[in-house]
Amino acid sequence: MSFQAYLDNIEEKTGLTPRQFIDLAHEKGFDDAAVKAGVIVDWLKADYGLGRGHAMALVHVIKKGPQIDAKHVGTDGVHRDDSETLWLDGKATKPA
């Protein structure tokens, strides 16, 4: 499953876009460099029922933004993506 597909699945499950999760995390101070991933994972599990894999995808965008490693872009591996930049504003507004 691609990184973008993880984010799209999270939106389907929760009704929230990745950008909305970034905003919620910011309100809680979870985007601070001192906050460990486990704290964010626990929050996402407790409040939104997300499993570890999906939660870790959100940890990435909360901590590092939409850029991902180019090594998976254009490959035919399991975790392939079409772009180095993830779309955070919802599936409905994603450019084709």
N, C-alpha and C. Protein backbone atom coordinates (compact mmCIF):
# COMPACT_ATOMS: atom_id res chain seq x y z
N MET A 1 0.85 -1.18 0.00
CA MET A 1 0.00 0.00 0.00
C MET A 1 0.89 1.24 0.00
N SER A 2 0.58 2.20 -0.83
CA SER A 2 1.38 3.42 -0.88
C SER A 2 1.13 4.28 0.36
N PHE A 3 2.05 5.17 0.61
CA PHE A 3 1.91 6.10 1.72
C PHE A 3 0.64 6.92 1.55
N GLN A 4 0.41 7.40 0.33
CA GLN A 4 -0.79 8.19 0.06
C GLN A 4 -2.06 7.38 0.31
N ALA A 5 -2.03 6.10 -0.03
CA ALA A 5 -3.20 5.25 0.22
C ALA A 5 -3.48 5.12 1.71
N TYR A 6 -2.43 5.04 2.53
CA TYR A 6 -2.63 5.03 3.98
C TYR A 6 -3.39 6.28 4.41
N LEU A 7 -2.94 7.44 3.92
CA LEU A 7 -3.59 8.70 4.30
C LEU A 7 -5.03 8.75 3.81
N ASP A 8 -5.27 8.27 2.60
CA ASP A 8 -6.64 8.25 2.05
C ASP A 8 -7.54 7.32 2.87
N ASN A 9 -6.99 6.19 3.30
CA ASN A 9 -7.77 5.26 4.12
C ASN A 9 -8.10 5.85 5.49
N ILE A 10 -7.17 6.60 6.04
CA ILE A 10 -7.42 7.27 7.32
C ILE A 10 -8.58 8.25 7.17
N GLU A 11 -8.58 8.98 6.08
CA GLU A 11 -9.67 9.94 5.83
C GLU A 11 -11.01 9.20 5.71
N GLU A 12 -11.03 8.08 5.00
CA GLU A 12 -12.26 7.30 4.87
C GLU A 12 -12.76 6.82 6.24
N LYS A 13 -11.84 6.36 7.06
CA LYS A 13 -12.20 5.80 8.37
C LYS A 13 -12.67 6.87 9.35
N THR A 14 -12.01 8.03 9.34
CA THR A 14 -12.26 9.04 10.37
C THR A 14 -13.07 10.24 9.90
N GLY A 15 -13.09 10.48 8.59
CA GLY A 15 -13.74 11.68 8.06
C GLY A 15 -12.87 12.91 8.17
N LEU A 16 -11.62 12.74 8.60
CA LEU A 16 -10.69 13.87 8.74
C LEU A 16 -9.55 13.74 7.74
N THR A 17 -9.17 14.86 7.15
CA THR A 17 -8.04 14.87 6.23
C THR A 17 -6.74 14.87 7.03
N PRO A 18 -5.64 14.50 6.38
CA PRO A 18 -4.36 14.59 7.07
C PRO A 18 -4.07 16.01 7.58
N ARG A 19 -4.45 17.01 6.81
CA ARG A 19 -4.23 18.40 7.23
C ARG A 19 -4.99 18.69 8.53
N GLN A 20 -6.20 18.18 8.65
CA GLN A 20 -6.97 18.37 9.88
C GLN A 20 -6.29 17.68 11.07
N PHE A 21 -5.71 16.51 10.84
CA PHE A 21 -4.96 15.84 11.90
C PHE A 21 -3.73 16.65 12.30
N ILE A 22 -3.05 17.25 11.33
CA ILE A 22 -1.90 18.10 11.63
C ILE A 22 -2.34 19.25 12.52
N ASP A 23 -3.46 19.87 12.20
CA ASP A 23 -3.98 20.98 13.01
C ASP A 23 -4.34 20.53 14.42
N LEU A 24 -4.99 19.38 14.55
CA LEU A 24 -5.35 18.84 15.86
C LEU A 24 -4.10 18.54 16.68
N ALA A 25 -3.11 17.94 16.03
CA ALA A 25 -1.86 17.62 16.72
C ALA A 25 -1.16 18.90 17.19
N HIS A 26 -1.20 19.93 16.35
CA HIS A 26 -0.60 21.21 16.73
C HIS A 26 -1.29 21.79 17.96
N GLU A 27 -2.61 21.73 17.99
CA GLU A 27 -3.36 22.24 19.14
C GLU A 27 -2.96 21.53 20.43
N LYS A 28 -2.61 20.25 20.33
CA LYS A 28 -2.21 19.46 21.49
C LYS A 28 -0.71 19.57 21.78
N GLY A 29 0.03 20.24 20.92
CA GLY A 29 1.47 20.36 21.09
C GLY A 29 2.23 19.13 20.63
N PHE A 30 1.57 18.24 19.89
CA PHE A 30 2.20 17.00 19.47
C PHE A 30 3.18 17.18 18.31
N ASP A 31 3.21 18.35 17.70
CA ASP A 31 4.16 18.60 16.62
C ASP A 31 5.51 19.08 17.16
N ASP A 32 5.62 19.23 18.47
CA ASP A 32 6.88 19.61 19.10
C ASP A 32 7.89 18.49 18.92
N ALA A 33 9.13 18.85 18.63
CA ALA A 33 10.18 17.85 18.40
C ALA A 33 10.39 16.92 19.59
N ALA A 34 10.07 17.38 20.80
CA ALA A 34 10.28 16.57 22.01
C ALA A 34 9.22 15.48 22.19
N VAL A 35 8.10 15.59 21.48
CA VAL A 35 7.03 14.61 21.63
C VAL A 35 7.39 13.35 20.85
N LYS A 36 7.37 12.23 21.54
CA LYS A 36 7.71 10.94 20.93
C LYS A 36 6.54 10.40 20.11
N ALA A 37 6.87 9.60 19.11
CA ALA A 37 5.86 9.02 18.23
C ALA A 37 4.82 8.23 19.00
N GLY A 38 5.24 7.51 20.04
CA GLY A 38 4.32 6.68 20.82
C GLY A 38 3.18 7.47 21.44
N VAL A 39 3.45 8.71 21.83
CA VAL A 39 2.41 9.57 22.41
C VAL A 39 1.34 9.86 21.35
N ILE A 40 1.79 10.14 20.15
CA ILE A 40 0.86 10.45 19.06
C ILE A 40 0.09 9.19 18.65
N VAL A 41 0.78 8.06 18.57
CA VAL A 41 0.14 6.80 18.23
C VAL A 41 -0.95 6.47 19.25
N ASP A 42 -0.63 6.63 20.53
CA ASP A 42 -1.62 6.36 21.59
C ASP A 42 -2.84 7.26 21.45
N TRP A 43 -2.64 8.54 21.16
CA TRP A 43 -3.74 9.49 20.97
C TRP A 43 -4.62 9.06 19.79
N LEU A 44 -3.98 8.73 18.67
CA LEU A 44 -4.74 8.35 17.47
C LEU A 44 -5.50 7.04 17.67
N LYS A 45 -4.93 6.13 18.43
CA LYS A 45 -5.63 4.89 18.72
C LYS A 45 -6.82 5.14 19.64
N ALA A 46 -6.60 5.89 20.71
CA ALA A 46 -7.65 6.14 21.70
C ALA A 46 -8.80 6.97 21.13
N ASP A 47 -8.48 8.02 20.41
CA ASP A 47 -9.52 8.94 19.94
C ASP A 47 -10.11 8.58 18.58
N TYR A 48 -9.36 7.85 17.74
CA TYR A 48 -9.82 7.60 16.37
C TYR A 48 -9.78 6.13 15.96
N GLY A 49 -9.32 5.26 16.85
CA GLY A 49 -9.30 3.83 16.56
C GLY A 49 -8.31 3.42 15.48
N LEU A 50 -7.26 4.22 15.28
CA LEU A 50 -6.28 3.90 14.24
C LEU A 50 -5.25 2.90 14.76
N GLY A 51 -4.89 1.97 13.89
CA GLY A 51 -3.83 1.02 14.20
C GLY A 51 -2.47 1.66 14.05
N ARG A 52 -1.45 0.92 14.42
CA ARG A 52 -0.08 1.46 14.43
C ARG A 52 0.38 1.94 13.05
N GLY A 53 0.15 1.16 12.00
CA GLY A 53 0.62 1.55 10.67
C GLY A 53 0.02 2.85 10.20
N HIS A 54 -1.29 2.99 10.34
CA HIS A 54 -1.95 4.22 9.93
C HIS A 54 -1.52 5.38 10.82
N ALA A 55 -1.40 5.12 12.12
CA ALA A 55 -0.98 6.17 13.04
C ALA A 55 0.44 6.65 12.71
N MET A 56 1.32 5.72 12.37
CA MET A 56 2.70 6.12 12.04
C MET A 56 2.75 6.93 10.75
N ALA A 57 1.85 6.68 9.83
CA ALA A 57 1.78 7.52 8.62
C ALA A 57 1.44 8.96 9.02
N LEU A 58 0.51 9.11 9.95
CA LEU A 58 0.17 10.46 10.42
C LEU A 58 1.30 11.06 11.25
N VAL A 59 1.99 10.25 12.03
CA VAL A 59 3.15 10.77 12.78
C VAL A 59 4.12 11.40 11.80
N HIS A 60 4.36 10.75 10.68
CA HIS A 60 5.29 11.30 9.69
C HIS A 60 4.85 12.69 9.22
N VAL A 61 3.60 12.83 8.82
CA VAL A 61 3.18 14.13 8.29
C VAL A 61 3.06 15.18 9.39
N ILE A 62 2.77 14.76 10.61
CA ILE A 62 2.72 15.71 11.73
C ILE A 62 4.11 16.23 12.03
N LYS A 63 5.09 15.36 12.03
CA LYS A 63 6.46 15.72 12.39
C LYS A 63 7.29 16.26 11.24
N LYS A 64 7.06 15.73 10.01
CA LYS A 64 7.95 16.04 8.90
C LYS A 64 7.29 16.71 7.71
N GLY A 65 5.96 16.81 7.73
CA GLY A 65 5.28 17.43 6.60
C GLY A 65 5.02 16.44 5.47
N PRO A 66 4.69 16.95 4.30
CA PRO A 66 4.23 16.09 3.20
C PRO A 66 5.34 15.43 2.37
N GLN A 67 6.60 15.75 2.61
CA GLN A 67 7.68 15.18 1.80
C GLN A 67 8.00 13.76 2.25
N ILE A 68 8.19 12.86 1.28
CA ILE A 68 8.61 11.49 1.56
C ILE A 68 9.88 11.20 0.78
N ASP A 69 10.53 10.12 1.13
CA ASP A 69 11.76 9.69 0.49
C ASP A 69 11.49 9.31 -0.97
N ALA A 70 12.32 9.80 -1.85
CA ALA A 70 12.14 9.56 -3.29
C ALA A 70 12.37 8.11 -3.68
N LYS A 71 12.94 7.29 -2.80
CA LYS A 71 13.27 5.92 -3.18
C LYS A 71 12.05 5.08 -3.53
N HIS A 72 10.86 5.48 -3.07
CA HIS A 72 9.65 4.72 -3.37
C HIS A 72 8.84 5.30 -4.53
N VAL A 73 9.25 6.43 -5.03
CA VAL A 73 8.48 7.10 -6.09
C VAL A 73 8.80 6.46 -7.43
N GLY A 74 7.74 6.07 -8.13
CA GLY A 74 7.90 5.50 -9.46
C GLY A 74 8.39 4.06 -9.47
N THR A 75 8.48 3.43 -8.31
CA THR A 75 8.90 2.03 -8.26
C THR A 75 7.69 1.14 -8.40
N ASP A 76 7.92 -0.14 -8.47
CA ASP A 76 6.79 -1.06 -8.52
C ASP A 76 6.73 -1.90 -7.24
N GLY A 77 7.36 -1.42 -6.18
CA GLY A 77 7.33 -2.12 -4.90
C GLY A 77 6.02 -1.90 -4.17
N VAL A 78 5.90 -2.53 -3.02
CA VAL A 78 4.67 -2.49 -2.24
C VAL A 78 4.35 -1.07 -1.76
N HIS A 79 5.37 -0.32 -1.36
CA HIS A 79 5.14 1.01 -0.80
C HIS A 79 5.43 2.11 -1.82
N ARG A 80 4.99 1.94 -3.03
CA ARG A 80 5.29 2.90 -4.09
C ARG A 80 4.32 4.09 -4.04
N ASP A 81 4.80 5.24 -4.44
CA ASP A 81 3.98 6.44 -4.55
C ASP A 81 4.28 7.12 -5.87
N ASP A 82 3.37 7.96 -6.32
CA ASP A 82 3.53 8.67 -7.59
C ASP A 82 4.34 9.95 -7.45
N SER A 83 4.49 10.44 -6.23
CA SER A 83 5.14 11.73 -6.01
C SER A 83 5.89 11.73 -4.68
N GLU A 84 6.87 12.60 -4.55
CA GLU A 84 7.59 12.78 -3.29
C GLU A 84 6.78 13.64 -2.32
N THR A 85 5.69 14.22 -2.80
CA THR A 85 4.87 15.08 -1.96
C THR A 85 3.49 14.46 -1.78
N LEU A 86 3.13 14.24 -0.52
CA LEU A 86 1.83 13.66 -0.19
C LEU A 86 0.75 14.74 -0.25
N TRP A 87 -0.45 14.35 -0.63
CA TRP A 87 -1.60 15.26 -0.67
C TRP A 87 -2.28 15.19 0.69
N LEU A 88 -2.34 16.32 1.39
CA LEU A 88 -2.84 16.35 2.75
C LEU A 88 -4.23 16.97 2.90
N ASP A 89 -4.80 17.44 1.81
CA ASP A 89 -6.05 18.22 1.90
C ASP A 89 -7.31 17.46 1.50
N GLY A 90 -7.23 16.15 1.51
CA GLY A 90 -8.43 15.34 1.26
C GLY A 90 -8.51 14.78 -0.13
N LYS A 91 -9.08 13.59 -0.19
CA LYS A 91 -9.19 12.88 -1.47
C LYS A 91 -10.02 13.63 -2.49
N ALA A 92 -11.06 14.30 -2.05
CA ALA A 92 -11.97 14.99 -2.98
C ALA A 92 -11.28 16.14 -3.71
N THR A 93 -10.24 16.71 -3.11
CA THR A 93 -9.58 17.86 -3.73
C THR A 93 -8.25 17.50 -4.36
N LYS A 94 -7.90 16.20 -4.37
CA LYS A 94 -6.62 15.78 -4.90
C LYS A 94 -6.58 15.95 -6.41
N PRO A 95 -5.53 16.60 -6.92
CA PRO A 95 -5.42 16.72 -8.38
C PRO A 95 -5.27 15.36 -9.03
N ALA A 96 -5.78 15.24 -10.24
CA ALA A 96 -5.71 13.96 -10.96
C ALA A 96 -4.31 13.66 -11.46
